[in-house]
Amino acid sequence: MFRLDDTVRIKKTGVIGTISDISGAGGETTYVIDTDTGDDEDDFGGMAALYYCREDELEKV
């Protein structure tokens, strides 16, 4: 089990990010991973992307 603000790696892509939200809706836990390697520009001029992953798709860094 992971916690908010844990640094994790998405196994399939190797992308590293931080858990910014955890949802248990629908009976399955979904982790929102916030990373600076994406294609969407944030309010501060940097790059940010969000990924939605299950626990088995992540590993702690």
N, C-alpha and C. Protein backbone atom coordinates (compact mmCIF):
# COMPACT_ATOMS: atom_id res chain seq x y z
N MET A 1 0.84 -1.18 0.00
CA MET A 1 0.00 0.00 0.00
C MET A 1 0.89 1.25 0.00
N PHE A 2 0.48 2.22 -0.75
CA PHE A 2 1.21 3.46 -0.86
C PHE A 2 0.48 4.57 -0.11
N ARG A 3 1.19 5.66 0.16
CA ARG A 3 0.62 6.82 0.87
C ARG A 3 0.79 8.08 0.03
N LEU A 4 0.02 9.10 0.39
CA LEU A 4 0.19 10.40 -0.26
C LEU A 4 1.64 10.86 -0.14
N ASP A 5 2.13 11.48 -1.17
CA ASP A 5 3.48 12.04 -1.26
C ASP A 5 4.59 11.00 -1.39
N ASP A 6 4.25 9.71 -1.52
CA ASP A 6 5.27 8.71 -1.81
C ASP A 6 5.79 8.93 -3.23
N THR A 7 7.08 8.71 -3.42
CA THR A 7 7.66 8.76 -4.75
C THR A 7 7.62 7.34 -5.31
N VAL A 8 7.04 7.22 -6.50
CA VAL A 8 6.84 5.90 -7.11
C VAL A 8 7.28 5.92 -8.57
N ARG A 9 7.47 4.71 -9.12
CA ARG A 9 7.77 4.53 -10.53
C ARG A 9 6.65 3.72 -11.15
N ILE A 10 6.16 4.16 -12.30
CA ILE A 10 5.17 3.39 -13.04
C ILE A 10 5.94 2.30 -13.77
N LYS A 11 5.66 1.05 -13.44
CA LYS A 11 6.43 -0.09 -13.96
C LYS A 11 6.48 -0.13 -15.48
N LYS A 12 5.35 0.08 -16.12
CA LYS A 12 5.26 -0.07 -17.58
C LYS A 12 6.09 0.96 -18.34
N THR A 13 6.09 2.20 -17.84
CA THR A 13 6.75 3.29 -18.57
C THR A 13 8.06 3.76 -17.95
N GLY A 14 8.28 3.44 -16.68
CA GLY A 14 9.47 3.92 -15.99
C GLY A 14 9.36 5.36 -15.51
N VAL A 15 8.20 5.98 -15.69
CA VAL A 15 7.98 7.36 -15.26
C VAL A 15 7.98 7.41 -13.74
N ILE A 16 8.68 8.39 -13.18
CA ILE A 16 8.74 8.58 -11.74
C ILE A 16 7.92 9.81 -11.38
N GLY A 17 7.13 9.69 -10.31
CA GLY A 17 6.30 10.79 -9.87
C GLY A 17 5.93 10.65 -8.40
N THR A 18 5.06 11.52 -7.95
CA THR A 18 4.62 11.57 -6.57
C THR A 18 3.13 11.31 -6.50
N ILE A 19 2.70 10.51 -5.53
CA ILE A 19 1.27 10.26 -5.36
C ILE A 19 0.63 11.51 -4.80
N SER A 20 -0.31 12.08 -5.55
CA SER A 20 -0.97 13.31 -5.13
C SER A 20 -2.40 13.09 -4.68
N ASP A 21 -2.98 11.92 -4.97
CA ASP A 21 -4.34 11.62 -4.52
C ASP A 21 -4.54 10.11 -4.57
N ILE A 22 -5.41 9.62 -3.67
CA ILE A 22 -5.75 8.21 -3.63
C ILE A 22 -7.27 8.11 -3.57
N SER A 23 -7.85 7.30 -4.45
CA SER A 23 -9.30 7.14 -4.51
C SER A 23 -9.65 5.67 -4.34
N GLY A 24 -10.70 5.41 -3.57
CA GLY A 24 -11.18 4.05 -3.39
C GLY A 24 -12.54 3.85 -4.03
N ALA A 25 -12.92 4.73 -4.92
CA ALA A 25 -14.23 4.66 -5.58
C ALA A 25 -14.34 3.40 -6.43
N GLY A 26 -15.49 2.80 -6.43
CA GLY A 26 -15.74 1.63 -7.26
C GLY A 26 -15.12 0.36 -6.72
N GLY A 27 -14.65 0.38 -5.47
CA GLY A 27 -14.10 -0.82 -4.87
C GLY A 27 -12.66 -1.11 -5.23
N GLU A 28 -12.03 -0.27 -6.04
CA GLU A 28 -10.64 -0.47 -6.42
C GLU A 28 -9.86 0.81 -6.12
N THR A 29 -8.69 0.67 -5.53
CA THR A 29 -7.87 1.83 -5.20
C THR A 29 -7.15 2.33 -6.44
N THR A 30 -7.28 3.62 -6.70
CA THR A 30 -6.60 4.27 -7.81
C THR A 30 -5.70 5.36 -7.25
N TYR A 31 -4.47 5.39 -7.73
CA TYR A 31 -3.48 6.37 -7.29
C TYR A 31 -3.28 7.39 -8.40
N VAL A 32 -3.30 8.67 -8.05
CA VAL A 32 -3.02 9.74 -9.01
C VAL A 32 -1.55 10.11 -8.84
N ILE A 33 -0.80 9.95 -9.93
CA ILE A 33 0.64 10.21 -9.91
C ILE A 33 0.90 11.53 -10.64
N ASP A 34 1.52 12.45 -9.94
CA ASP A 34 1.85 13.77 -10.48
C ASP A 34 3.34 13.76 -10.83
N THR A 35 3.65 14.12 -12.06
CA THR A 35 5.04 14.09 -12.51
C THR A 35 5.37 15.33 -13.32
N ASP A 36 6.62 15.64 -13.43
CA ASP A 36 7.05 16.81 -14.20
C ASP A 36 7.56 16.43 -15.58
N THR A 37 7.26 15.20 -16.03
CA THR A 37 7.76 14.75 -17.33
C THR A 37 6.68 14.76 -18.41
N GLY A 38 5.54 15.38 -18.15
CA GLY A 38 4.43 15.31 -19.08
C GLY A 38 4.42 16.40 -20.13
N ASP A 39 3.31 16.46 -20.84
CA ASP A 39 3.17 17.41 -21.94
C ASP A 39 2.29 18.60 -21.62
N ASP A 40 1.68 18.63 -20.44
CA ASP A 40 0.77 19.71 -20.09
C ASP A 40 1.49 20.76 -19.26
N GLU A 41 1.40 22.02 -19.70
CA GLU A 41 2.07 23.10 -18.98
C GLU A 41 1.21 23.50 -17.79
N ASP A 42 1.85 23.63 -16.61
CA ASP A 42 1.11 24.03 -15.42
C ASP A 42 1.10 25.55 -15.28
N ASP A 43 0.50 26.07 -14.20
CA ASP A 43 0.35 27.51 -13.99
C ASP A 43 1.69 28.22 -13.76
N PHE A 44 2.73 27.49 -13.47
CA PHE A 44 4.01 28.10 -13.17
C PHE A 44 4.99 28.02 -14.32
N GLY A 45 4.53 27.57 -15.49
CA GLY A 45 5.39 27.52 -16.66
C GLY A 45 6.17 26.23 -16.81
N GLY A 46 6.00 25.30 -15.87
CA GLY A 46 6.70 24.01 -15.94
C GLY A 46 5.84 22.98 -16.64
N MET A 47 6.37 21.81 -16.78
CA MET A 47 5.63 20.73 -17.41
C MET A 47 5.12 19.78 -16.34
N ALA A 48 3.88 19.35 -16.47
CA ALA A 48 3.28 18.44 -15.49
C ALA A 48 2.35 17.47 -16.20
N ALA A 49 2.21 16.27 -15.66
CA ALA A 49 1.28 15.28 -16.19
C ALA A 49 0.74 14.48 -15.02
N LEU A 50 -0.48 13.99 -15.18
CA LEU A 50 -1.11 13.14 -14.18
C LEU A 50 -1.33 11.77 -14.79
N TYR A 51 -1.08 10.75 -14.00
CA TYR A 51 -1.32 9.37 -14.40
C TYR A 51 -2.21 8.73 -13.35
N TYR A 52 -3.11 7.88 -13.78
CA TYR A 52 -4.03 7.17 -12.88
C TYR A 52 -3.64 5.70 -12.93
N CYS A 53 -3.21 5.15 -11.77
CA CYS A 53 -2.65 3.80 -11.74
C CYS A 53 -3.24 2.97 -10.61
N ARG A 54 -3.26 1.65 -10.83
CA ARG A 54 -3.59 0.71 -9.76
C ARG A 54 -2.30 0.40 -9.00
N GLU A 55 -2.46 -0.16 -7.81
CA GLU A 55 -1.31 -0.45 -6.97
C GLU A 55 -0.32 -1.39 -7.64
N ASP A 56 -0.82 -2.38 -8.37
CA ASP A 56 0.08 -3.35 -9.01
C ASP A 56 0.87 -2.78 -10.18
N GLU A 57 0.54 -1.55 -10.59
CA GLU A 57 1.27 -0.89 -11.68
C GLU A 57 2.41 -0.02 -11.17
N LEU A 58 2.57 0.06 -9.84
CA LEU A 58 3.53 0.98 -9.24
C LEU A 58 4.56 0.24 -8.41
N GLU A 59 5.74 0.89 -8.26
CA GLU A 59 6.74 0.41 -7.32
C GLU A 59 7.34 1.62 -6.63
N LYS A 60 7.66 1.46 -5.35
CA LYS A 60 8.21 2.56 -4.57
C LYS A 60 9.66 2.83 -4.98
N VAL A 61 10.00 4.09 -5.03
CA VAL A 61 11.36 4.49 -5.42
C VAL A 61 12.12 4.88 -4.16
